Amino acid sequence: MTDFAKIVDNYLAAWNEGDDEARAKLVSEVFAANATYTDPLAEVAGHEGITALIGAARGQFPGLVFSSGGPVDQHHDIARFTWHLGPEGAAEPLVIGFDVAKVDAEGRIVTVFGFLDKVPQG
């Protein structure tokens, strides 16, 4: 049985990694080589595309951290989960998102569909 909670933890760790080289390593461990990521603001593929997207998001929101927004819901090879983005330890996140991820037999993410439920105005 796939441990989706661990996969999501590793996924969020990749989004929180500030070092470019360490982030690229995490992405290569968490995502399959041909993985895709799609949300309302981006559509990328492969380790390089995903690593660059995460770097750009970190640049847009310096000092903020991604955290789990609750339990992971899963069935078969698919999981859905909510995440928060805000100052570490903050009671109210600035951004709230909802992702659906599909994994391969090795437990690496092959597809992410992301949705933004709450975004800052302006």
PDB file of N, CA and C in Angstrom:
ATOM      1  N   MET A   1       0.843  -1.183   0.000  1.00  0.00           N
ATOM      2  CA  MET A   1       0.000   0.000   0.000  1.00  0.00           C
ATOM      3  C   MET A   1       0.889   1.249   0.000  1.00  0.00           C
ATOM      4  N   THR A   2       0.540   2.204  -0.806  1.00  0.00           N
ATOM      5  CA  THR A   2       1.311   3.430  -0.938  1.00  0.00           C
ATOM      6  C   THR A   2       1.107   4.324   0.282  1.00  0.00           C
ATOM      7  N   ASP A   3       2.199   4.860   0.812  1.00  0.00           N
ATOM      8  CA  ASP A   3       2.152   5.763   1.961  1.00  0.00           C
ATOM      9  C   ASP A   3       2.023   7.195   1.450  1.00  0.00           C
ATOM     10  N   PHE A   4       0.797   7.604   1.169  1.00  0.00           N
ATOM     11  CA  PHE A   4       0.563   8.926   0.608  1.00  0.00           C
ATOM     12  C   PHE A   4       0.912  10.044   1.582  1.00  0.00           C
ATOM     13  N   ALA A   5       0.754   9.820   2.877  1.00  0.00           N
ATOM     14  CA  ALA A   5       1.117  10.858   3.840  1.00  0.00           C
ATOM     15  C   ALA A   5       2.606  11.176   3.718  1.00  0.00           C
ATOM     16  N   LYS A   6       3.435  10.161   3.566  1.00  0.00           N
ATOM     17  CA  LYS A   6       4.883  10.363   3.405  1.00  0.00           C
ATOM     18  C   LYS A   6       5.182  11.042   2.071  1.00  0.00           C
ATOM     19  N   ILE A   7       4.497  10.654   1.022  1.00  0.00           N
ATOM     20  CA  ILE A   7       4.692  11.267  -0.295  1.00  0.00           C
ATOM     21  C   ILE A   7       4.348  12.758  -0.224  1.00  0.00           C
ATOM     22  N   VAL A   8       3.247  13.097   0.411  1.00  0.00           N
ATOM     23  CA  VAL A   8       2.846  14.501   0.537  1.00  0.00           C
ATOM     24  C   VAL A   8       3.849  15.265   1.396  1.00  0.00           C
ATOM     25  N   ASP A   9       4.328  14.652   2.473  1.00  0.00           N
ATOM     26  CA  ASP A   9       5.363  15.300   3.293  1.00  0.00           C
ATOM     27  C   ASP A   9       6.597  15.615   2.454  1.00  0.00           C
ATOM     28  N   ASN A  10       7.024  14.664   1.623  1.00  0.00           N
ATOM     29  CA  ASN A  10       8.197  14.872   0.770  1.00  0.00           C
ATOM     30  C   ASN A  10       7.920  15.922  -0.304  1.00  0.00           C
ATOM     31  N   TYR A  11       6.714  15.928  -0.832  1.00  0.00           N
ATOM     32  CA  TYR A  11       6.286  16.916  -1.814  1.00  0.00           C
ATOM     33  C   TYR A  11       6.379  18.320  -1.218  1.00  0.00           C
ATOM     34  N   LEU A  12       5.840  18.495  -0.020  1.00  0.00           N
ATOM     35  CA  LEU A  12       5.901  19.803   0.639  1.00  0.00           C
ATOM     36  C   LEU A  12       7.339  20.177   0.995  1.00  0.00           C
ATOM     37  N   ALA A  13       8.152  19.198   1.341  1.00  0.00           N
ATOM     38  CA  ALA A  13       9.568  19.471   1.623  1.00  0.00           C
ATOM     39  C   ALA A  13      10.262  20.024   0.381  1.00  0.00           C
ATOM     40  N   ALA A  14       9.929  19.495  -0.784  1.00  0.00           N
ATOM     41  CA  ALA A  14      10.509  20.015  -2.026  1.00  0.00           C
ATOM     42  C   ALA A  14      10.096  21.472  -2.236  1.00  0.00           C
ATOM     43  N   TRP A  15       8.843  21.787  -1.964  1.00  0.00           N
ATOM     44  CA  TRP A  15       8.358  23.161  -2.114  1.00  0.00           C
ATOM     45  C   TRP A  15       8.990  24.101  -1.087  1.00  0.00           C
ATOM     46  N   ASN A  16       9.440  23.564   0.039  1.00  0.00           N
ATOM     47  CA  ASN A  16      10.041  24.392   1.089  1.00  0.00           C
ATOM     48  C   ASN A  16      11.556  24.492   0.993  1.00  0.00           C
ATOM     49  N   GLU A  17      12.178  23.705   0.143  1.00  0.00           N
ATOM     50  CA  GLU A  17      13.638  23.684   0.068  1.00  0.00           C
ATOM     51  C   GLU A  17      14.173  24.963  -0.577  1.00  0.00           C
ATOM     52  N   GLY A  18      14.992  25.695   0.166  1.00  0.00           N
ATOM     53  CA  GLY A  18      15.534  26.964  -0.316  1.00  0.00           C
ATOM     54  C   GLY A  18      16.775  26.835  -1.173  1.00  0.00           C
ATOM     55  N   ASP A  19      17.510  25.752  -1.039  1.00  0.00           N
ATOM     56  CA  ASP A  19      18.729  25.553  -1.810  1.00  0.00           C
ATOM     57  C   ASP A  19      18.391  24.918  -3.159  1.00  0.00           C
ATOM     58  N   ASP A  20      18.822  25.556  -4.239  1.00  0.00           N
ATOM     59  CA  ASP A  20      18.476  25.089  -5.591  1.00  0.00           C
ATOM     60  C   ASP A  20      18.913  23.651  -5.847  1.00  0.00           C
ATOM     61  N   GLU A  21      20.137  23.323  -5.460  1.00  0.00           N
ATOM     62  CA  GLU A  21      20.655  21.970  -5.711  1.00  0.00           C
ATOM     63  C   GLU A  21      19.911  20.925  -4.880  1.00  0.00           C
ATOM     64  N   ALA A  22      19.686  21.229  -3.619  1.00  0.00           N
ATOM     65  CA  ALA A  22      18.944  20.303  -2.754  1.00  0.00           C
ATOM     66  C   ALA A  22      17.504  20.149  -3.235  1.00  0.00           C
ATOM     67  N   ARG A  23      16.914  21.250  -3.715  1.00  0.00           N
ATOM     68  CA  ARG A  23      15.543  21.179  -4.239  1.00  0.00           C
ATOM     69  C   ARG A  23      15.483  20.267  -5.461  1.00  0.00           C
ATOM     70  N   ALA A  24      16.437  20.416  -6.380  1.00  0.00           N
ATOM     71  CA  ALA A  24      16.469  19.569  -7.576  1.00  0.00           C
ATOM     72  C   ALA A  24      16.588  18.100  -7.185  1.00  0.00           C
ATOM     73  N   LYS A  25      17.382  17.803  -6.167  1.00  0.00           N
ATOM     74  CA  LYS A  25      17.532  16.418  -5.700  1.00  0.00           C
ATOM     75  C   LYS A  25      16.209  15.898  -5.149  1.00  0.00           C
ATOM     76  N   LEU A  26      15.543  16.710  -4.321  1.00  0.00           N
ATOM     77  CA  LEU A  26      14.248  16.297  -3.781  1.00  0.00           C
ATOM     78  C   LEU A  26      13.221  16.067  -4.885  1.00  0.00           C
ATOM     79  N   VAL A  27      13.172  16.976  -5.850  1.00  0.00           N
ATOM     80  CA  VAL A  27      12.226  16.820  -6.956  1.00  0.00           C
ATOM     81  C   VAL A  27      12.480  15.505  -7.684  1.00  0.00           C
ATOM     82  N   SER A  28      13.740  15.161  -7.901  1.00  0.00           N
ATOM     83  CA  SER A  28      14.055  13.910  -8.611  1.00  0.00           C
ATOM     84  C   SER A  28      13.680  12.683  -7.792  1.00  0.00           C
ATOM     85  N   GLU A  29      13.613  12.825  -6.476  1.00  0.00           N
ATOM     86  CA  GLU A  29      13.208  11.709  -5.619  1.00  0.00           C
ATOM     87  C   GLU A  29      11.691  11.601  -5.497  1.00  0.00           C
ATOM     88  N   VAL A  30      11.009  12.740  -5.496  1.00  0.00           N
ATOM     89  CA  VAL A  30       9.563  12.773  -5.267  1.00  0.00           C
ATOM     90  C   VAL A  30       8.769  12.542  -6.552  1.00  0.00           C
ATOM     91  N   PHE A  31       9.277  13.075  -7.678  1.00  0.00           N
ATOM     92  CA  PHE A  31       8.560  13.031  -8.946  1.00  0.00           C
ATOM     93  C   PHE A  31       9.201  12.052  -9.929  1.00  0.00           C
ATOM     94  N   ALA A  32       8.376  11.381 -10.719  1.00  0.00           N
ATOM     95  CA  ALA A  32       8.876  10.577 -11.835  1.00  0.00           C
ATOM     96  C   ALA A  32       9.508  11.512 -12.863  1.00  0.00           C
ATOM     97  N   ALA A  33      10.406  10.996 -13.667  1.00  0.00           N
ATOM     98  CA  ALA A  33      11.149  11.818 -14.632  1.00  0.00           C
ATOM     99  C   ALA A  33      10.228  12.571 -15.589  1.00  0.00           C
ATOM    100  N   ASN A  34       9.130  11.962 -15.972  1.00  0.00           N
ATOM    101  CA  ASN A  34       8.212  12.578 -16.937  1.00  0.00           C
ATOM    102  C   ASN A  34       6.978  13.193 -16.274  1.00  0.00           C
ATOM    103  N   ALA A  35       7.086  13.516 -14.993  1.00  0.00           N
ATOM    104  CA  ALA A  35       5.943  14.044 -14.242  1.00  0.00           C
ATOM    105  C   ALA A  35       5.462  15.370 -14.815  1.00  0.00           C
ATOM    106  N   THR A  36       4.172  15.633 -14.610  1.00  0.00           N
ATOM    107  CA  THR A  36       3.582  16.910 -15.012  1.00  0.00           C
ATOM    108  C   THR A  36       2.949  17.567 -13.801  1.00  0.00           C
ATOM    109  N   TYR A  37       2.907  18.901 -13.857  1.00  0.00           N
ATOM    110  CA  TYR A  37       2.300  19.702 -12.801  1.00  0.00           C
ATOM    111  C   TYR A  37       1.475  20.788 -13.484  1.00  0.00           C
ATOM    112  N   THR A  38       0.207  20.881 -13.111  1.00  0.00           N
ATOM    113  CA  THR A  38      -0.683  21.883 -13.694  1.00  0.00           C
ATOM    114  C   THR A  38      -1.492  22.538 -12.588  1.00  0.00           C
ATOM    115  N   ASP A  39      -1.474  23.874 -12.564  1.00  0.00           N
ATOM    116  CA  ASP A  39      -2.356  24.632 -11.678  1.00  0.00           C
ATOM    117  C   ASP A  39      -2.844  25.853 -12.453  1.00  0.00           C
ATOM    118  N   PRO A  40      -3.651  26.720 -11.875  1.00  0.00           N
ATOM    119  CA  PRO A  40      -4.183  27.855 -12.637  1.00  0.00           C
ATOM    120  C   PRO A  40      -3.120  28.808 -13.175  1.00  0.00           C
ATOM    121  N   LEU A  41      -1.920  28.778 -12.600  1.00  0.00           N
ATOM    122  CA  LEU A  41      -0.868  29.714 -12.989  1.00  0.00           C
ATOM    123  C   LEU A  41       0.264  29.091 -13.785  1.00  0.00           C
ATOM    124  N   ALA A  42       0.313  27.774 -13.859  1.00  0.00           N
ATOM    125  CA  ALA A  42       1.465  27.125 -14.493  1.00  0.00           C
ATOM    126  C   ALA A  42       1.113  25.753 -15.039  1.00  0.00           C
ATOM    127  N   GLU A  43       1.881  25.353 -16.030  1.00  0.00           N
ATOM    128  CA  GLU A  43       1.804  24.000 -16.581  1.00  0.00           C
ATOM    129  C   GLU A  43       3.225  23.634 -16.986  1.00  0.00           C
ATOM    130  N   VAL A  44       3.829  22.676 -16.267  1.00  0.00           N
ATOM    131  CA  VAL A  44       5.215  22.295 -16.517  1.00  0.00           C
ATOM    132  C   VAL A  44       5.333  20.780 -16.536  1.00  0.00           C
ATOM    133  N   ALA A  45       6.471  20.314 -17.064  1.00  0.00           N
ATOM    134  CA  ALA A  45       6.733  18.884 -17.113  1.00  0.00           C
ATOM    135  C   ALA A  45       8.200  18.613 -16.827  1.00  0.00           C
ATOM    136  N   GLY A  46       8.461  17.430 -16.293  1.00  0.00           N
ATOM    137  CA  GLY A  46       9.819  16.984 -16.041  1.00  0.00           C
ATOM    138  C   GLY A  46      10.430  17.613 -14.811  1.00  0.00           C
ATOM    139  N   HIS A  47      11.533  17.008 -14.369  1.00  0.00           N
ATOM    140  CA  HIS A  47      12.206  17.489 -13.166  1.00  0.00           C
ATOM    141  C   HIS A  47      12.639  18.945 -13.286  1.00  0.00           C
ATOM    142  N   GLU A  48      13.215  19.325 -14.412  1.00  0.00           N
ATOM    143  CA  GLU A  48      13.697  20.699 -14.580  1.00  0.00           C
ATOM    144  C   GLU A  48      12.554  21.705 -14.518  1.00  0.00           C
ATOM    145  N   GLY A  49      11.453  21.396 -15.192  1.00  0.00           N
ATOM    146  CA  GLY A  49      10.308  22.301 -15.191  1.00  0.00           C
ATOM    147  C   GLY A  49       9.699  22.458 -13.807  1.00  0.00           C
ATOM    148  N   ILE A  50       9.571  21.352 -13.083  1.00  0.00           N
ATOM    149  CA  ILE A  50       8.983  21.387 -11.747  1.00  0.00           C
ATOM    150  C   ILE A  50       9.920  22.115 -10.781  1.00  0.00           C
ATOM    151  N   THR A  51      11.219  21.841 -10.876  1.00  0.00           N
ATOM    152  CA  THR A  51      12.192  22.515 -10.017  1.00  0.00           C
ATOM    153  C   THR A  51      12.173  24.018 -10.262  1.00  0.00           C
ATOM    154  N   ALA A  52      12.118  24.427 -11.516  1.00  0.00           N
ATOM    155  CA  ALA A  52      12.082  25.857 -11.853  1.00  0.00           C
ATOM    156  C   ALA A  52      10.795  26.504 -11.332  1.00  0.00           C
ATOM    157  N   LEU A  53       9.678  25.817 -11.467  1.00  0.00           N
ATOM    158  CA  LEU A  53       8.409  26.350 -10.976  1.00  0.00           C
ATOM    159  C   LEU A  53       8.452  26.569  -9.468  1.00  0.00           C
ATOM    160  N   ILE A  54       8.960  25.601  -8.747  1.00  0.00           N
ATOM    161  CA  ILE A  54       9.051  25.727  -7.289  1.00  0.00           C
ATOM    162  C   ILE A  54       9.973  26.898  -6.930  1.00  0.00           C
ATOM    163  N   GLY A  55      11.088  27.020  -7.621  1.00  0.00           N
ATOM    164  CA  GLY A  55      12.001  28.132  -7.370  1.00  0.00           C
ATOM    165  C   GLY A  55      11.336  29.480  -7.605  1.00  0.00           C
ATOM    166  N   ALA A  56      10.556  29.580  -8.661  1.00  0.00           N
ATOM    167  CA  ALA A  56       9.850  30.827  -8.955  1.00  0.00           C
ATOM    168  C   ALA A  56       8.818  31.140  -7.873  1.00  0.00           C
ATOM    169  N   ALA A  57       8.103  30.117  -7.407  1.00  0.00           N
ATOM    170  CA  ALA A  57       7.111  30.331  -6.346  1.00  0.00           C
ATOM    171  C   ALA A  57       7.795  30.772  -5.059  1.00  0.00           C
ATOM    172  N   ARG A  58       8.935  30.171  -4.754  1.00  0.00           N
ATOM    173  CA  ARG A  58       9.674  30.565  -3.549  1.00  0.00           C
ATOM    174  C   ARG A  58      10.155  32.012  -3.667  1.00  0.00           C
ATOM    175  N   GLY A  59      10.531  32.414  -4.874  1.00  0.00           N
ATOM    176  CA  GLY A  59      10.955  33.787  -5.093  1.00  0.00           C
ATOM    177  C   GLY A  59       9.810  34.775  -4.943  1.00  0.00           C
ATOM    178  N   GLN A  60       8.618  34.341  -5.298  1.00  0.00           N
ATOM    179  CA  GLN A  60       7.439  35.207  -5.198  1.00  0.00           C
ATOM    180  C   GLN A  60       6.961  35.345  -3.751  1.00  0.00           C
ATOM    181  N   PHE A  61       7.210  34.327  -2.947  1.00  0.00           N
ATOM    182  CA  PHE A  61       6.739  34.313  -1.557  1.00  0.00           C
ATOM    183  C   PHE A  61       7.903  34.038  -0.600  1.00  0.00           C
ATOM    184  N   PRO A  62       8.915  34.916  -0.565  1.00  0.00           N
ATOM    185  CA  PRO A  62      10.085  34.667   0.290  1.00  0.00           C
ATOM    186  C   PRO A  62       9.702  34.613   1.772  1.00  0.00           C
ATOM    187  N   GLY A  63      10.319  33.677   2.462  1.00  0.00           N
ATOM    188  CA  GLY A  63      10.097  33.557   3.898  1.00  0.00           C
ATOM    189  C   GLY A  63       8.848  32.816   4.300  1.00  0.00           C
ATOM    190  N   LEU A  64       8.010  32.447   3.343  1.00  0.00           N
ATOM    191  CA  LEU A  64       6.793  31.706   3.660  1.00  0.00           C
ATOM    192  C   LEU A  64       7.049  30.215   3.518  1.00  0.00           C
ATOM    193  N   VAL A  65       6.264  29.408   4.221  1.00  0.00           N
ATOM    194  CA  VAL A  65       6.437  27.965   4.180  1.00  0.00           C
ATOM    195  C   VAL A  65       5.130  27.278   3.802  1.00  0.00           C
ATOM    196  N   PHE A  66       5.284  26.163   3.106  1.00  0.00           N
ATOM    197  CA  PHE A  66       4.155  25.300   2.762  1.00  0.00           C
ATOM    198  C   PHE A  66       3.970  24.296   3.892  1.00  0.00           C
ATOM    199  N   SER A  67       2.724  24.047   4.259  1.00  0.00           N
ATOM    200  CA  SER A  67       2.429  23.056   5.289  1.00  0.00           C
ATOM    201  C   SER A  67       1.153  22.317   4.913  1.00  0.00           C
ATOM    202  N   SER A  68       0.976  21.191   5.535  1.00  0.00           N
ATOM    203  CA  SER A  68      -0.224  20.392   5.297  1.00  0.00           C
ATOM    204  C   SER A  68      -1.436  21.115   5.860  1.00  0.00           C
ATOM    205  N   GLY A  69      -2.534  21.065   5.109  1.00  0.00           N
ATOM    206  CA  GLY A  69      -3.774  21.677   5.558  1.00  0.00           C
ATOM    207  C   GLY A  69      -4.756  20.689   6.146  1.00  0.00           C
ATOM    208  N   GLY A  70      -4.316  19.450   6.326  1.00  0.00           N
ATOM    209  CA  GLY A  70      -5.207  18.429   6.870  1.00  0.00           C
ATOM    210  C   GLY A  70      -4.810  17.052   6.391  1.00  0.00           C
ATOM    211  N   PRO A  71      -5.644  16.070   6.632  1.00  0.00           N
ATOM    212  CA  PRO A  71      -5.306  14.699   6.249  1.00  0.00           C
ATOM    213  C   PRO A  71      -5.312  14.498   4.728  1.00  0.00           C
ATOM    214  N   VAL A  72      -4.590  13.493   4.312  1.00  0.00           N
ATOM    215  CA  VAL A  72      -4.529  13.104   2.899  1.00  0.00           C
ATOM    216  C   VAL A  72      -5.640  12.092   2.646  1.00  0.00           C
ATOM    217  N   ASP A  73      -6.433  12.340   1.621  1.00  0.00           N
ATOM    218  CA  ASP A  73      -7.485  11.409   1.202  1.00  0.00           C
ATOM    219  C   ASP A  73      -6.952  10.645   0.001  1.00  0.00           C
ATOM    220  N   GLN A  74      -7.117   9.345  -0.019  1.00  0.00           N
ATOM    221  CA  GLN A  74      -6.504   8.547  -1.087  1.00  0.00           C
ATOM    222  C   GLN A  74      -7.346   7.343  -1.475  1.00  0.00           C
ATOM    223  N   HIS A  75      -7.143   6.924  -2.696  1.00  0.00           N
ATOM    224  CA  HIS A  75      -7.625   5.629  -3.158  1.00  0.00           C
ATOM    225  C   HIS A  75      -6.794   5.238  -4.374  1.00  0.00           C
ATOM    226  N   HIS A  76      -6.633   3.965  -4.574  1.00  0.00           N
ATOM    227  CA  HIS A  76      -5.829   3.429  -5.665  1.00  0.00           C
ATOM    228  C   HIS A  76      -4.467   4.122  -5.705  1.00  0.00           C
ATOM    229  N   ASP A  77      -4.144   4.794  -6.787  1.00  0.00           N
ATOM    230  CA  ASP A  77      -2.853   5.475  -6.918  1.00  0.00           C
ATOM    231  C   ASP A  77      -3.027   7.000  -6.958  1.00  0.00           C
ATOM    232  N   ILE A  78      -4.105   7.492  -6.318  1.00  0.00           N
ATOM    233  CA  ILE A  78      -4.454   8.908  -6.365  1.00  0.00           C
ATOM    234  C   ILE A  78      -4.661   9.435  -4.941  1.00  0.00           C
ATOM    235  N   ALA A  79      -4.199  10.650  -4.706  1.00  0.00           N
ATOM    236  CA  ALA A  79      -4.416  11.302  -3.415  1.00  0.00           C
ATOM    237  C   ALA A  79      -4.858  12.742  -3.644  1.00  0.00           C
ATOM    238  N   ARG A  80      -5.623  13.254  -2.707  1.00  0.00           N
ATOM    239  CA  ARG A  80      -5.968  14.667  -2.709  1.00  0.00           C
ATOM    240  C   ARG A  80      -5.649  15.210  -1.321  1.00  0.00           C
ATOM    241  N   PHE A  81      -5.187  16.456  -1.307  1.00  0.00           N
ATOM    242  CA  PHE A  81      -4.772  17.043  -0.041  1.00  0.00           C
ATOM    243  C   PHE A  81      -4.787  18.557  -0.145  1.00  0.00           C
ATOM    244  N   THR A  82      -4.981  19.190   0.991  1.00  0.00           N
ATOM    245  CA  THR A  82      -4.961  20.640   1.093  1.00  0.00           C
ATOM    246  C   THR A  82      -3.617  21.054   1.667  1.00  0.00           C
ATOM    247  N   TRP A  83      -3.115  22.182   1.178  1.00  0.00           N
ATOM    248  CA  TRP A  83      -1.869  22.743   1.706  1.00  0.00           C
ATOM    249  C   TRP A  83      -2.079  24.222   2.016  1.00  0.00           C
ATOM    250  N   HIS A  84      -1.241  24.718   2.902  1.00  0.00           N
ATOM    251  CA  HIS A  84      -1.273  26.123   3.297  1.00  0.00           C
ATOM    252  C   HIS A  84       0.080  26.749   2.991  1.00  0.00           C
ATOM    253  N   LEU A  85       0.079  28.038   2.708  1.00  0.00           N
ATOM    254  CA  LEU A  85       1.307  28.803   2.529  1.00  0.00           C
ATOM    255  C   LEU A  85       1.201  30.064   3.367  1.00  0.00           C
ATOM    256  N   GLY A  86       2.161  30.241   4.260  1.00  0.00           N
ATOM    257  CA  GLY A  86       2.148  31.424   5.109  1.00  0.00           C
ATOM    258  C   GLY A  86       3.385  31.454   5.978  1.00  0.00           C
ATOM    259  N   PRO A  87       3.473  32.460   6.844  1.00  0.00           N
ATOM    260  CA  PRO A  87       4.588  32.509   7.779  1.00  0.00           C
ATOM    261  C   PRO A  87       4.563  31.280   8.688  1.00  0.00           C
ATOM    262  N   GLU A  88       5.724  30.763   9.000  1.00  0.00           N
ATOM    263  CA  GLU A  88       5.787  29.570   9.844  1.00  0.00           C
ATOM    264  C   GLU A  88       5.090  29.834  11.175  1.00  0.00           C
ATOM    265  N   GLY A  89       4.197  28.916  11.547  1.00  0.00           N
ATOM    266  CA  GLY A  89       3.480  29.024  12.805  1.00  0.00           C
ATOM    267  C   GLY A  89       2.299  29.977  12.801  1.00  0.00           C
ATOM    268  N   ALA A  90       2.012  30.602  11.659  1.00  0.00           N
ATOM    269  CA  ALA A  90       0.895  31.551  11.592  1.00  0.00           C
ATOM    270  C   ALA A  90      -0.437  30.820  11.724  1.00  0.00           C
ATOM    271  N   ALA A  91      -1.372  31.467  12.402  1.00  0.00           N
ATOM    272  CA  ALA A  91      -2.696  30.869  12.578  1.00  0.00           C
ATOM    273  C   ALA A  91      -3.483  30.857  11.277  1.00  0.00           C
ATOM    274  N   GLU A  92      -3.283  31.875  10.454  1.00  0.00           N
ATOM    275  CA  GLU A  92      -4.048  31.994   9.205  1.00  0.00           C
ATOM    276  C   GLU A  92      -3.088  32.037   8.011  1.00  0.00           C
ATOM    277  N   PRO A  93      -3.168  31.055   7.097  1.00  0.00           N
ATOM    278  CA  PRO A  93      -2.293  31.079   5.919  1.00  0.00           C
ATOM    279  C   PRO A  93      -2.695  32.175   4.935  1.00  0.00           C
ATOM    280  N   LEU A  94      -1.735  32.653   4.172  1.00  0.00           N
ATOM    281  CA  LEU A  94      -2.005  33.641   3.126  1.00  0.00           C
ATOM    282  C   LEU A  94      -2.626  32.987   1.904  1.00  0.00           C
ATOM    283  N   VAL A  95      -2.186  31.757   1.611  1.00  0.00           N
ATOM    284  CA  VAL A  95      -2.662  31.012   0.447  1.00  0.00           C
ATOM    285  C   VAL A  95      -3.097  29.634   0.915  1.00  0.00           C
ATOM    286  N   ILE A  96      -4.200  29.146   0.356  1.00  0.00           N
ATOM    287  CA  ILE A  96      -4.660  27.783   0.599  1.00  0.00           C
ATOM    288  C   ILE A  96      -4.880  27.135  -0.757  1.00  0.00           C
ATOM    289  N   GLY A  97      -4.328  25.945  -0.911  1.00  0.00           N
ATOM    290  CA  GLY A  97      -4.484  25.219  -2.160  1.00  0.00           C
ATOM    291  C   GLY A  97      -4.939  23.794  -1.920  1.00  0.00           C
ATOM    292  N   PHE A  98      -5.341  23.179  -3.006  1.00  0.00           N
ATOM    293  CA  PHE A  98      -5.863  21.809  -2.994  1.00  0.00           C
ATOM    294  C   PHE A  98      -5.243  21.104  -4.179  1.00  0.00           C
ATOM    295  N   ASP A  99      -4.515  20.015  -3.950  1.00  0.00           N
ATOM    296  CA  ASP A  99      -3.858  19.282  -5.028  1.00  0.00           C
ATOM    297  C   ASP A  99      -4.376  17.859  -5.114  1.00  0.00           C
ATOM    298  N   VAL A 100      -4.382  17.343  -6.334  1.00  0.00           N
ATOM    299  CA  VAL A 100      -4.668  15.944  -6.595  1.00  0.00           C
ATOM    300  C   VAL A 100      -3.430  15.375  -7.280  1.00  0.00           C
ATOM    301  N   ALA A 101      -2.890  14.296  -6.730  1.00  0.00           N
ATOM    302  CA  ALA A 101      -1.664  13.704  -7.263  1.00  0.00           C
ATOM    303  C   ALA A 101      -1.872  12.231  -7.572  1.00  0.00           C
ATOM    304  N   LYS A 102      -1.244  11.807  -8.649  1.00  0.00           N
ATOM    305  CA  LYS A 102      -1.240  10.392  -9.037  1.00  0.00           C
ATOM    306  C   LYS A 102       0.196   9.913  -8.947  1.00  0.00           C
ATOM    307  N   VAL A 103       0.397   8.710  -8.416  1.00  0.00           N
ATOM    308  CA  VAL A 103       1.741   8.168  -8.277  1.00  0.00           C
ATOM    309  C   VAL A 103       1.912   6.907  -9.115  1.00  0.00           C
ATOM    310  N   ASP A 104       3.178   6.598  -9.398  1.00  0.00           N
ATOM    311  CA  ASP A 104       3.489   5.375 -10.134  1.00  0.00           C
ATOM    312  C   ASP A 104       3.703   4.223  -9.153  1.00  0.00           C
ATOM    313  N   ALA A 105       4.067   3.056  -9.667  1.00  0.00           N
ATOM    314  CA  ALA A 105       4.242   1.867  -8.835  1.00  0.00           C
ATOM    315  C   ALA A 105       5.373   2.023  -7.826  1.00  0.00           C
ATOM    316  N   GLU A 106       6.328   2.912  -8.110  1.00  0.00           N
ATOM    317  CA  GLU A 106       7.444   3.157  -7.187  1.00  0.00           C
ATOM    318  C   GLU A 106       7.104   4.222  -6.148  1.00  0.00           C
ATOM    319  N   GLY A 107       5.901   4.786  -6.214  1.00  0.00           N
ATOM    320  CA  GLY A 107       5.493   5.801  -5.254  1.00  0.00           C
ATOM    321  C   GLY A 107       5.969   7.199  -5.589  1.00  0.00           C
ATOM    322  N   ARG A 108       6.377   7.409  -6.840  1.00  0.00           N
ATOM    323  CA  ARG A 108       6.775   8.751  -7.264  1.00  0.00           C
ATOM    324  C   ARG A 108       5.601   9.414  -7.982  1.00  0.00           C
ATOM    325  N   ILE A 109       5.475  10.706  -7.779  1.00  0.00           N
ATOM    326  CA  ILE A 109       4.370  11.461  -8.364  1.00  0.00           C
ATOM    327  C   ILE A 109       4.555  11.554  -9.877  1.00  0.00           C
ATOM    328  N   VAL A 110       3.492  11.241 -10.622  1.00  0.00           N
ATOM    329  CA  VAL A 110       3.528  11.361 -12.081  1.00  0.00           C
ATOM    330  C   VAL A 110       2.691  12.535 -12.584  1.00  0.00           C
ATOM    331  N   THR A 111       1.695  12.936 -11.806  1.00  0.00           N
ATOM    332  CA  THR A 111       0.827  14.041 -12.210  1.00  0.00           C
ATOM    333  C   THR A 111       0.320  14.763 -10.967  1.00  0.00           C
ATOM    334  N   VAL A 112       0.316  16.096 -11.041  1.00  0.00           N
ATOM    335  CA  VAL A 112      -0.324  16.914 -10.004  1.00  0.00           C
ATOM    336  C   VAL A 112      -1.251  17.891 -10.708  1.00  0.00           C
ATOM    337  N   PHE A 113      -2.482  17.955 -10.215  1.00  0.00           N
ATOM    338  CA  PHE A 113      -3.429  18.978 -10.621  1.00  0.00           C
ATOM    339  C   PHE A 113      -3.672  19.832  -9.393  1.00  0.00           C
ATOM    340  N   GLY A 114      -3.329  21.118  -9.473  1.00  0.00           N
ATOM    341  CA  GLY A 114      -3.447  22.001  -8.330  1.00  0.00           C
ATOM    342  C   GLY A 114      -4.551  23.024  -8.509  1.00  0.00           C
ATOM    343  N   PHE A 115      -5.172  23.379  -7.396  1.00  0.00           N
ATOM    344  CA  PHE A 115      -6.227  24.382  -7.373  1.00  0.00           C
ATOM    345  C   PHE A 115      -5.915  25.377  -6.263  1.00  0.00           C
ATOM    346  N   LEU A 116      -6.238  26.637  -6.484  1.00  0.00           N
ATOM    347  CA  LEU A 116      -6.010  27.681  -5.493  1.00  0.00           C
ATOM    348  C   LEU A 116      -7.348  28.084  -4.892  1.00  0.00           C
ATOM    349  N   ASP A 117      -7.517  27.826  -3.611  1.00  0.00           N
ATOM    350  CA  ASP A 117      -8.772  28.118  -2.924  1.00  0.00           C
ATOM    351  C   ASP A 117      -8.777  29.514  -2.307  1.00  0.00           C
ATOM    352  N   LYS A 118      -7.607  29.973  -1.895  1.00  0.00           N
ATOM    353  CA  LYS A 118      -7.486  31.291  -1.287  1.00  0.00           C
ATOM    354  C   LYS A 118      -6.171  31.903  -1.751  1.00  0.00           C
ATOM    355  N   VAL A 119      -6.236  33.095  -2.324  1.00  0.00           N
ATOM    356  CA  VAL A 119      -5.026  33.798  -2.769  1.00  0.00           C
ATOM    357  C   VAL A 119      -5.111  35.253  -2.310  1.00  0.00           C
ATOM    358  N   PRO A 120      -3.960  35.864  -2.037  1.00  0.00           N
ATOM    359  CA  PRO A 120      -3.981  37.279  -1.634  1.00  0.00           C
ATOM    360  C   PRO A 120      -4.451  38.164  -2.775  1.00  0.00           C
ATOM    361  N   GLN A 121      -5.156  39.210  -2.445  1.00  0.00           N
ATOM    362  CA  GLN A 121      -5.606  40.172  -3.458  1.00  0.00           C
ATOM    363  C   GLN A 121      -4.466  41.115  -3.807  1.00  0.00           C
ATOM    364  N   GLY A 122      -4.336  41.433  -5.104  1.00  0.00           N
ATOM    365  CA  GLY A 122      -3.310  42.355  -5.561  1.00  0.00           C
ATOM    366  C   GLY A 122      -2.049  41.655  -5.765  1.00  0.00           C
TER     367      GLY A 122
END
